[in-house]
Amino acid sequence: MNTFQKNIKEWGLKTFPMATKDSIICHLQKEVKELKESYNPEEAADCFILLCHLANKLGCDLLEEAEKKMVINKQRKWGKPDKDGVVEHIRF
């Protein structure tokens, strides 16, 4: 586990001992909404911190998982943007 995520784990366990996967995801949804409304880098940081906190609850290293997922993403074919500008991979 990377050092940053370890620091988040220690802080999260001490500061939010009752946090659950679901409560972290609910909080993340609120922070993503705030990010969408403001485009403030601090809100992006809040989202990242919450993802690290969630990864700790899931028992995984978020950076390691992201690196593995990028290997998959680089091999995928990607479609065209939808009405919101979202581009998803083509599902076979």
PDB file of N, CA and C in Angstrom:
ATOM      1  N   MET A   1       0.847  -1.174   0.000  1.00  0.00           N
ATOM      2  CA  MET A   1       0.000   0.000   0.000  1.00  0.00           C
ATOM      3  C   MET A   1       0.895   1.241   0.000  1.00  0.00           C
ATOM      4  N   ASN A   2       0.541   2.218  -0.817  1.00  0.00           N
ATOM      5  CA  ASN A   2       1.374   3.410  -0.891  1.00  0.00           C
ATOM      6  C   ASN A   2       1.294   4.233   0.394  1.00  0.00           C
ATOM      7  N   THR A   3       2.290   5.056   0.612  1.00  0.00           N
ATOM      8  CA  THR A   3       2.414   5.824   1.855  1.00  0.00           C
ATOM      9  C   THR A   3       1.228   6.748   2.092  1.00  0.00           C
ATOM     10  N   PHE A   4       0.775   7.429   1.032  1.00  0.00           N
ATOM     11  CA  PHE A   4      -0.360   8.342   1.193  1.00  0.00           C
ATOM     12  C   PHE A   4      -1.590   7.582   1.672  1.00  0.00           C
ATOM     13  N   GLN A   5      -1.876   6.464   1.038  1.00  0.00           N
ATOM     14  CA  GLN A   5      -3.050   5.689   1.426  1.00  0.00           C
ATOM     15  C   GLN A   5      -2.910   5.154   2.847  1.00  0.00           C
ATOM     16  N   LYS A   6      -1.700   4.776   3.246  1.00  0.00           N
ATOM     17  CA  LYS A   6      -1.479   4.332   4.633  1.00  0.00           C
ATOM     18  C   LYS A   6      -1.784   5.463   5.615  1.00  0.00           C
ATOM     19  N   ASN A   7      -1.364   6.670   5.268  1.00  0.00           N
ATOM     20  CA  ASN A   7      -1.645   7.823   6.134  1.00  0.00           C
ATOM     21  C   ASN A   7      -3.145   8.074   6.239  1.00  0.00           C
ATOM     22  N   ILE A   8      -3.845   7.935   5.129  1.00  0.00           N
ATOM     23  CA  ILE A   8      -5.301   8.099   5.140  1.00  0.00           C
ATOM     24  C   ILE A   8      -5.936   7.010   6.005  1.00  0.00           C
ATOM     25  N   LYS A   9      -5.417   5.797   5.919  1.00  0.00           N
ATOM     26  CA  LYS A   9      -5.958   4.689   6.723  1.00  0.00           C
ATOM     27  C   LYS A   9      -5.834   4.988   8.209  1.00  0.00           C
ATOM     28  N   GLU A  10      -4.654   5.398   8.638  1.00  0.00           N
ATOM     29  CA  GLU A  10      -4.432   5.700  10.055  1.00  0.00           C
ATOM     30  C   GLU A  10      -5.335   6.842  10.515  1.00  0.00           C
ATOM     31  N   TRP A  11      -5.393   7.903   9.710  1.00  0.00           N
ATOM     32  CA  TRP A  11      -6.222   9.061  10.045  1.00  0.00           C
ATOM     33  C   TRP A  11      -7.700   8.676  10.055  1.00  0.00           C
ATOM     34  N   GLY A  12      -8.134   7.921   9.036  1.00  0.00           N
ATOM     35  CA  GLY A  12      -9.534   7.544   8.933  1.00  0.00           C
ATOM     36  C   GLY A  12      -9.997   6.661  10.077  1.00  0.00           C
ATOM     37  N   LEU A  13      -9.167   5.708  10.458  1.00  0.00           N
ATOM     38  CA  LEU A  13      -9.528   4.825  11.572  1.00  0.00           C
ATOM     39  C   LEU A  13      -9.670   5.599  12.874  1.00  0.00           C
ATOM     40  N   LYS A  14      -8.799   6.586  13.074  1.00  0.00           N
ATOM     41  CA  LYS A  14      -8.830   7.389  14.299  1.00  0.00           C
ATOM     42  C   LYS A  14      -9.969   8.407  14.270  1.00  0.00           C
ATOM     43  N   THR A  15     -10.160   9.043  13.124  1.00  0.00           N
ATOM     44  CA  THR A  15     -11.110  10.151  13.027  1.00  0.00           C
ATOM     45  C   THR A  15     -12.536   9.684  12.765  1.00  0.00           C
ATOM     46  N   PHE A  16     -12.688   8.622  11.996  1.00  0.00           N
ATOM     47  CA  PHE A  16     -14.005   8.125  11.611  1.00  0.00           C
ATOM     48  C   PHE A  16     -14.121   6.621  11.892  1.00  0.00           C
ATOM     49  N   PRO A  17     -14.047   6.219  13.159  1.00  0.00           N
ATOM     50  CA  PRO A  17     -14.021   4.781  13.474  1.00  0.00           C
ATOM     51  C   PRO A  17     -15.291   4.035  13.071  1.00  0.00           C
ATOM     52  N   MET A  18     -16.396   4.728  12.901  1.00  0.00           N
ATOM     53  CA  MET A  18     -17.658   4.085  12.566  1.00  0.00           C
ATOM     54  C   MET A  18     -17.920   4.075  11.051  1.00  0.00           C
ATOM     55  N   ALA A  19     -16.995   4.605  10.273  1.00  0.00           N
ATOM     56  CA  ALA A  19     -17.201   4.669   8.818  1.00  0.00           C
ATOM     57  C   ALA A  19     -17.337   3.273   8.229  1.00  0.00           C
ATOM     58  N   THR A  20     -18.254   3.163   7.291  1.00  0.00           N
ATOM     59  CA  THR A  20     -18.456   1.909   6.564  1.00  0.00           C
ATOM     60  C   THR A  20     -18.216   2.174   5.074  1.00  0.00           C
ATOM     61  N   LYS A  21     -18.148   1.118   4.306  1.00  0.00           N
ATOM     62  CA  LYS A  21     -18.007   1.286   2.855  1.00  0.00           C
ATOM     63  C   LYS A  21     -19.147   2.141   2.320  1.00  0.00           C
ATOM     64  N   ASP A  22     -20.362   1.845   2.764  1.00  0.00           N
ATOM     65  CA  ASP A  22     -21.527   2.595   2.283  1.00  0.00           C
ATOM     66  C   ASP A  22     -21.486   4.061   2.703  1.00  0.00           C
ATOM     67  N   SER A  23     -21.084   4.333   3.947  1.00  0.00           N
ATOM     68  CA  SER A  23     -21.049   5.730   4.387  1.00  0.00           C
ATOM     69  C   SER A  23     -19.981   6.518   3.626  1.00  0.00           C
ATOM     70  N   ILE A  24     -18.874   5.867   3.326  1.00  0.00           N
ATOM     71  CA  ILE A  24     -17.814   6.526   2.563  1.00  0.00           C
ATOM     72  C   ILE A  24     -18.296   6.825   1.142  1.00  0.00           C
ATOM     73  N   ILE A  25     -18.996   5.874   0.524  1.00  0.00           N
ATOM     74  CA  ILE A  25     -19.517   6.085  -0.824  1.00  0.00           C
ATOM     75  C   ILE A  25     -20.548   7.212  -0.834  1.00  0.00           C
ATOM     76  N   CYS A  26     -21.417   7.272   0.158  1.00  0.00           N
ATOM     77  CA  CYS A  26     -22.398   8.365   0.247  1.00  0.00           C
ATOM     78  C   CYS A  26     -21.698   9.712   0.369  1.00  0.00           C
ATOM     79  N   HIS A  27     -20.662   9.763   1.183  1.00  0.00           N
ATOM     80  CA  HIS A  27     -19.889  10.997   1.336  1.00  0.00           C
ATOM     81  C   HIS A  27     -19.214  11.355   0.014  1.00  0.00           C
ATOM     82  N   LEU A  28     -18.652  10.351  -0.655  1.00  0.00           N
ATOM     83  CA  LEU A  28     -18.004  10.576  -1.945  1.00  0.00           C
ATOM     84  C   LEU A  28     -18.991  11.147  -2.961  1.00  0.00           C
ATOM     85  N   GLN A  29     -20.211  10.631  -2.976  1.00  0.00           N
ATOM     86  CA  GLN A  29     -21.215  11.152  -3.907  1.00  0.00           C
ATOM     87  C   GLN A  29     -21.470  12.640  -3.660  1.00  0.00           C
ATOM     88  N   LYS A  30     -21.517  13.035  -2.397  1.00  0.00           N
ATOM     89  CA  LYS A  30     -21.714  14.453  -2.072  1.00  0.00           C
ATOM     90  C   LYS A  30     -20.534  15.290  -2.543  1.00  0.00           C
ATOM     91  N   GLU A  31     -19.335  14.774  -2.341  1.00  0.00           N
ATOM     92  CA  GLU A  31     -18.141  15.517  -2.748  1.00  0.00           C
ATOM     93  C   GLU A  31     -18.036  15.622  -4.275  1.00  0.00           C
ATOM     94  N   VAL A  32     -18.436  14.573  -4.990  1.00  0.00           N
ATOM     95  CA  VAL A  32     -18.424  14.619  -6.461  1.00  0.00           C
ATOM     96  C   VAL A  32     -19.412  15.679  -6.944  1.00  0.00           C
ATOM     97  N   LYS A  33     -20.569  15.771  -6.301  1.00  0.00           N
ATOM     98  CA  LYS A  33     -21.550  16.805  -6.651  1.00  0.00           C
ATOM     99  C   LYS A  33     -20.947  18.191  -6.439  1.00  0.00           C
ATOM    100  N   GLU A  34     -20.275  18.382  -5.312  1.00  0.00           N
ATOM    101  CA  GLU A  34     -19.629  19.670  -5.041  1.00  0.00           C
ATOM    102  C   GLU A  34     -18.553  19.971  -6.077  1.00  0.00           C
ATOM    103  N   LEU A  35     -17.799  18.954  -6.467  1.00  0.00           N
ATOM    104  CA  LEU A  35     -16.761  19.123  -7.482  1.00  0.00           C
ATOM    105  C   LEU A  35     -17.387  19.538  -8.810  1.00  0.00           C
ATOM    106  N   LYS A  36     -18.477  18.894  -9.177  1.00  0.00           N
ATOM    107  CA  LYS A  36     -19.141  19.215 -10.439  1.00  0.00           C
ATOM    108  C   LYS A  36     -19.662  20.647 -10.439  1.00  0.00           C
ATOM    109  N   GLU A  37     -20.098  21.112  -9.290  1.00  0.00           N
ATOM    110  CA  GLU A  37     -20.652  22.467  -9.182  1.00  0.00           C
ATOM    111  C   GLU A  37     -19.571  23.545  -9.138  1.00  0.00           C
ATOM    112  N   SER A  38     -18.363  23.182  -8.691  1.00  0.00           N
ATOM    113  CA  SER A  38     -17.343  24.213  -8.450  1.00  0.00           C
ATOM    114  C   SER A  38     -16.071  24.078  -9.274  1.00  0.00           C
ATOM    115  N   TYR A  39     -15.754  22.878  -9.719  1.00  0.00           N
ATOM    116  CA  TYR A  39     -14.464  22.595 -10.379  1.00  0.00           C
ATOM    117  C   TYR A  39     -13.289  23.042  -9.507  1.00  0.00           C
ATOM    118  N   ASN A  40     -13.471  22.993  -8.200  1.00  0.00           N
ATOM    119  CA  ASN A  40     -12.449  23.402  -7.246  1.00  0.00           C
ATOM    120  C   ASN A  40     -11.493  22.235  -6.992  1.00  0.00           C
ATOM    121  N   PRO A  41     -10.188  22.451  -7.163  1.00  0.00           N
ATOM    122  CA  PRO A  41      -9.222  21.374  -6.921  1.00  0.00           C
ATOM    123  C   PRO A  41      -9.311  20.773  -5.513  1.00  0.00           C
ATOM    124  N   GLU A  42      -9.720  21.575  -4.531  1.00  0.00           N
ATOM    125  CA  GLU A  42      -9.870  21.035  -3.174  1.00  0.00           C
ATOM    126  C   GLU A  42     -10.965  19.977  -3.127  1.00  0.00           C
ATOM    127  N   GLU A  43     -12.009  20.159  -3.920  1.00  0.00           N
ATOM    128  CA  GLU A  43     -13.076  19.154  -3.968  1.00  0.00           C
ATOM    129  C   GLU A  43     -12.569  17.879  -4.638  1.00  0.00           C
ATOM    130  N   ALA A  44     -11.716  18.028  -5.652  1.00  0.00           N
ATOM    131  CA  ALA A  44     -11.100  16.849  -6.285  1.00  0.00           C
ATOM    132  C   ALA A  44     -10.247  16.108  -5.263  1.00  0.00           C
ATOM    133  N   ALA A  45      -9.534  16.855  -4.438  1.00  0.00           N
ATOM    134  CA  ALA A  45      -8.709  16.239  -3.391  1.00  0.00           C
ATOM    135  C   ALA A  45      -9.583  15.493  -2.384  1.00  0.00           C
ATOM    136  N   ASP A  46     -10.717  16.090  -2.019  1.00  0.00           N
ATOM    137  CA  ASP A  46     -11.639  15.394  -1.108  1.00  0.00           C
ATOM    138  C   ASP A  46     -12.082  14.064  -1.699  1.00  0.00           C
ATOM    139  N   CYS A  47     -12.388  14.058  -3.000  1.00  0.00           N
ATOM    140  CA  CYS A  47     -12.802  12.823  -3.666  1.00  0.00           C
ATOM    141  C   CYS A  47     -11.681  11.787  -3.621  1.00  0.00           C
ATOM    142  N   PHE A  48     -10.461  12.234  -3.894  1.00  0.00           N
ATOM    143  CA  PHE A  48      -9.317  11.323  -3.874  1.00  0.00           C
ATOM    144  C   PHE A  48      -9.097  10.735  -2.478  1.00  0.00           C
ATOM    145  N   ILE A  49      -9.193  11.583  -1.461  1.00  0.00           N
ATOM    146  CA  ILE A  49      -9.024  11.118  -0.081  1.00  0.00           C
ATOM    147  C   ILE A  49     -10.092  10.088   0.266  1.00  0.00           C
ATOM    148  N   LEU A  50     -11.327  10.362  -0.128  1.00  0.00           N
ATOM    149  CA  LEU A  50     -12.405   9.410   0.153  1.00  0.00           C
ATOM    150  C   LEU A  50     -12.212   8.107  -0.606  1.00  0.00           C
ATOM    151  N   LEU A  51     -11.704   8.171  -1.832  1.00  0.00           N
ATOM    152  CA  LEU A  51     -11.420   6.931  -2.571  1.00  0.00           C
ATOM    153  C   LEU A  51     -10.331   6.122  -1.870  1.00  0.00           C
ATOM    154  N   CYS A  52      -9.327   6.795  -1.337  1.00  0.00           N
ATOM    155  CA  CYS A  52      -8.286   6.091  -0.574  1.00  0.00           C
ATOM    156  C   CYS A  52      -8.867   5.473   0.689  1.00  0.00           C
ATOM    157  N   HIS A  53      -9.738   6.213   1.356  1.00  0.00           N
ATOM    158  CA  HIS A  53     -10.390   5.709   2.565  1.00  0.00           C
ATOM    159  C   HIS A  53     -11.218   4.466   2.229  1.00  0.00           C
ATOM    160  N   LEU A  54     -11.952   4.522   1.118  1.00  0.00           N
ATOM    161  CA  LEU A  54     -12.745   3.380   0.682  1.00  0.00           C
ATOM    162  C   LEU A  54     -11.848   2.201   0.321  1.00  0.00           C
ATOM    163  N   ALA A  55     -10.767   2.460  -0.377  1.00  0.00           N
ATOM    164  CA  ALA A  55      -9.838   1.386  -0.748  1.00  0.00           C
ATOM    165  C   ALA A  55      -9.317   0.672   0.491  1.00  0.00           C
ATOM    166  N   ASN A  56      -9.064   1.420   1.545  1.00  0.00           N
ATOM    167  CA  ASN A  56      -8.628   0.796   2.797  1.00  0.00           C
ATOM    168  C   ASN A  56      -9.698  -0.147   3.332  1.00  0.00           C
ATOM    169  N   LYS A  57     -10.954   0.288   3.277  1.00  0.00           N
ATOM    170  CA  LYS A  57     -12.052  -0.568   3.738  1.00  0.00           C
ATOM    171  C   LYS A  57     -12.192  -1.802   2.847  1.00  0.00           C
ATOM    172  N   LEU A  58     -11.853  -1.656   1.556  1.00  0.00           N
ATOM    173  CA  LEU A  58     -11.928  -2.779   0.622  1.00  0.00           C
ATOM    174  C   LEU A  58     -10.696  -3.677   0.711  1.00  0.00           C
ATOM    175  N   GLY A  59      -9.672  -3.200   1.426  1.00  0.00           N
ATOM    176  CA  GLY A  59      -8.454  -3.983   1.586  1.00  0.00           C
ATOM    177  C   GLY A  59      -7.576  -4.011   0.349  1.00  0.00           C
ATOM    178  N   CYS A  60      -7.562  -2.908  -0.387  1.00  0.00           N
ATOM    179  CA  CYS A  60      -6.746  -2.880  -1.595  1.00  0.00           C
ATOM    180  C   CYS A  60      -5.898  -1.612  -1.652  1.00  0.00           C
ATOM    181  N   ASP A  61      -4.887  -1.656  -2.484  1.00  0.00           N
ATOM    182  CA  ASP A  61      -4.033  -0.502  -2.757  1.00  0.00           C
ATOM    183  C   ASP A  61      -4.621   0.186  -3.985  1.00  0.00           C
ATOM    184  N   LEU A  62      -5.154   1.384  -3.821  1.00  0.00           N
ATOM    185  CA  LEU A  62      -5.848   2.074  -4.897  1.00  0.00           C
ATOM    186  C   LEU A  62      -4.942   2.339  -6.091  1.00  0.00           C
ATOM    187  N   LEU A  63      -3.719   2.751  -5.851  1.00  0.00           N
ATOM    188  CA  LEU A  63      -2.789   3.012  -6.949  1.00  0.00           C
ATOM    189  C   LEU A  63      -2.513   1.727  -7.732  1.00  0.00           C
ATOM    190  N   GLU A  64      -2.298   0.644  -7.032  1.00  0.00           N
ATOM    191  CA  GLU A  64      -2.058  -0.644  -7.686  1.00  0.00           C
ATOM    192  C   GLU A  64      -3.265  -1.064  -8.530  1.00  0.00           C
ATOM    193  N   GLU A  65      -4.455  -0.885  -7.980  1.00  0.00           N
ATOM    194  CA  GLU A  65      -5.671  -1.236  -8.722  1.00  0.00           C
ATOM    195  C   GLU A  65      -5.837  -0.345  -9.952  1.00  0.00           C
ATOM    196  N   ALA A  66      -5.523   0.947  -9.812  1.00  0.00           N
ATOM    197  CA  ALA A  66      -5.634   1.867 -10.948  1.00  0.00           C
ATOM    198  C   ALA A  66      -4.635   1.503 -12.044  1.00  0.00           C
ATOM    199  N   GLU A  67      -3.439   1.119 -11.647  1.00  0.00           N
ATOM    200  CA  GLU A  67      -2.434   0.708 -12.639  1.00  0.00           C
ATOM    201  C   GLU A  67      -2.889  -0.542 -13.394  1.00  0.00           C
ATOM    202  N   LYS A  68      -3.462  -1.523 -12.677  1.00  0.00           N
ATOM    203  CA  LYS A  68      -3.965  -2.727 -13.332  1.00  0.00           C
ATOM    204  C   LYS A  68      -5.120  -2.393 -14.281  1.00  0.00           C
ATOM    205  N   LYS A  69      -5.981  -1.484 -13.846  1.00  0.00           N
ATOM    206  CA  LYS A  69      -7.128  -1.104 -14.664  1.00  0.00           C
ATOM    207  C   LYS A  69      -6.688  -0.351 -15.923  1.00  0.00           C
ATOM    208  N   MET A  70      -5.636   0.451 -15.829  1.00  0.00           N
ATOM    209  CA  MET A  70      -5.144   1.166 -17.005  1.00  0.00           C
ATOM    210  C   MET A  70      -4.609   0.215 -18.065  1.00  0.00           C
ATOM    211  N   VAL A  71      -4.024  -0.898 -17.657  1.00  0.00           N
ATOM    212  CA  VAL A  71      -3.572  -1.916 -18.620  1.00  0.00           C
ATOM    213  C   VAL A  71      -4.778  -2.398 -19.425  1.00  0.00           C
ATOM    214  N   ILE A  72      -5.880  -2.642 -18.740  1.00  0.00           N
ATOM    215  CA  ILE A  72      -7.116  -3.080 -19.400  1.00  0.00           C
ATOM    216  C   ILE A  72      -7.661  -1.970 -20.296  1.00  0.00           C
ATOM    217  N   ASN A  73      -7.731  -0.751 -19.763  1.00  0.00           N
ATOM    218  CA  ASN A  73      -8.296   0.374 -20.523  1.00  0.00           C
ATOM    219  C   ASN A  73      -7.532   0.654 -21.808  1.00  0.00           C
ATOM    220  N   LYS A  74      -6.223   0.499 -21.763  1.00  0.00           N
ATOM    221  CA  LYS A  74      -5.411   0.761 -22.953  1.00  0.00           C
ATOM    222  C   LYS A  74      -5.673  -0.252 -24.059  1.00  0.00           C
ATOM    223  N   GLN A  75      -6.202  -1.413 -23.707  1.00  0.00           N
ATOM    224  CA  GLN A  75      -6.478  -2.460 -24.692  1.00  0.00           C
ATOM    225  C   GLN A  75      -7.905  -2.384 -25.240  1.00  0.00           C
ATOM    226  N   ARG A  76      -8.730  -1.552 -24.663  1.00  0.00           N
ATOM    227  CA  ARG A  76     -10.137  -1.474 -25.059  1.00  0.00           C
ATOM    228  C   ARG A  76     -10.334  -0.578 -26.274  1.00  0.00           C
ATOM    229  N   LYS A  77     -11.445  -0.796 -26.940  1.00  0.00           N
ATOM    230  CA  LYS A  77     -11.916   0.088 -27.998  1.00  0.00           C
ATOM    231  C   LYS A  77     -12.913   1.044 -27.344  1.00  0.00           C
ATOM    232  N   TRP A  78     -12.867   2.297 -27.759  1.00  0.00           N
ATOM    233  CA  TRP A  78     -13.701   3.316 -27.135  1.00  0.00           C
ATOM    234  C   TRP A  78     -14.701   3.872 -28.142  1.00  0.00           C
ATOM    235  N   GLY A  79     -15.900   4.136 -27.665  1.00  0.00           N
ATOM    236  CA  GLY A  79     -16.982   4.631 -28.509  1.00  0.00           C
ATOM    237  C   GLY A  79     -16.925   6.137 -28.706  1.00  0.00           C
ATOM    238  N   LYS A  80     -18.051   6.663 -29.108  1.00  0.00           N
ATOM    239  CA  LYS A  80     -18.186   8.102 -29.332  1.00  0.00           C
ATOM    240  C   LYS A  80     -18.834   8.738 -28.101  1.00  0.00           C
ATOM    241  N   PRO A  81     -18.609  10.028 -27.910  1.00  0.00           N
ATOM    242  CA  PRO A  81     -19.227  10.705 -26.761  1.00  0.00           C
ATOM    243  C   PRO A  81     -20.756  10.644 -26.818  1.00  0.00           C
ATOM    244  N   ASP A  82     -21.372  10.462 -25.650  1.00  0.00           N
ATOM    245  CA  ASP A  82     -22.823  10.527 -25.577  1.00  0.00           C
ATOM    246  C   ASP A  82     -23.246  11.988 -25.446  1.00  0.00           C
ATOM    247  N   LYS A  83     -24.521  12.231 -25.166  1.00  0.00           N
ATOM    248  CA  LYS A  83     -25.030  13.605 -25.096  1.00  0.00           C
ATOM    249  C   LYS A  83     -24.368  14.434 -23.999  1.00  0.00           C
ATOM    250  N   ASP A  84     -23.798  13.760 -22.998  1.00  0.00           N
ATOM    251  CA  ASP A  84     -23.110  14.454 -21.902  1.00  0.00           C
ATOM    252  C   ASP A  84     -21.604  14.554 -22.130  1.00  0.00           C
ATOM    253  N   GLY A  85     -21.122  14.034 -23.264  1.00  0.00           N
ATOM    254  CA  GLY A  85     -19.699  14.044 -23.539  1.00  0.00           C
ATOM    255  C   GLY A  85     -18.941  12.862 -22.963  1.00  0.00           C
ATOM    256  N   VAL A  86     -19.677  11.903 -22.414  1.00  0.00           N
ATOM    257  CA  VAL A  86     -19.063  10.727 -21.785  1.00  0.00           C
ATOM    258  C   VAL A  86     -18.720   9.698 -22.866  1.00  0.00           C
ATOM    259  N   VAL A  87     -17.493   9.211 -22.830  1.00  0.00           N
ATOM    260  CA  VAL A  87     -17.040   8.171 -23.763  1.00  0.00           C
ATOM    261  C   VAL A  87     -16.824   6.893 -22.948  1.00  0.00           C
ATOM    262  N   GLU A  88     -17.510   5.831 -23.350  1.00  0.00           N
ATOM    263  CA  GLU A  88     -17.355   4.543 -22.664  1.00  0.00           C
ATOM    264  C   GLU A  88     -16.736   3.531 -23.617  1.00  0.00           C
ATOM    265  N   HIS A  89     -16.191   2.483 -23.027  1.00  0.00           N
ATOM    266  CA  HIS A  89     -15.621   1.436 -23.875  1.00  0.00           C
ATOM    267  C   HIS A  89     -16.749   0.652 -24.542  1.00  0.00           C
ATOM    268  N   ILE A  90     -16.420   0.089 -25.681  1.00  0.00           N
ATOM    269  CA  ILE A  90     -17.402  -0.701 -26.430  1.00  0.00           C
ATOM    270  C   ILE A  90     -17.501  -2.066 -25.787  1.00  0.00           C
ATOM    271  N   ARG A  91     -18.707  -2.460 -25.452  1.00  0.00           N
ATOM    272  CA  ARG A  91     -18.962  -3.762 -24.838  1.00  0.00           C
ATOM    273  C   ARG A  91     -19.318  -4.758 -25.921  1.00  0.00           C
ATOM    274  N   PHE A  92     -18.666  -5.889 -25.875  1.00  0.00           N
ATOM    275  CA  PHE A  92     -18.919  -6.909 -26.896  1.00  0.00           C
ATOM    276  C   PHE A  92     -19.969  -7.879 -26.446  1.00  0.00           C
TER     277      PHE A  92
END
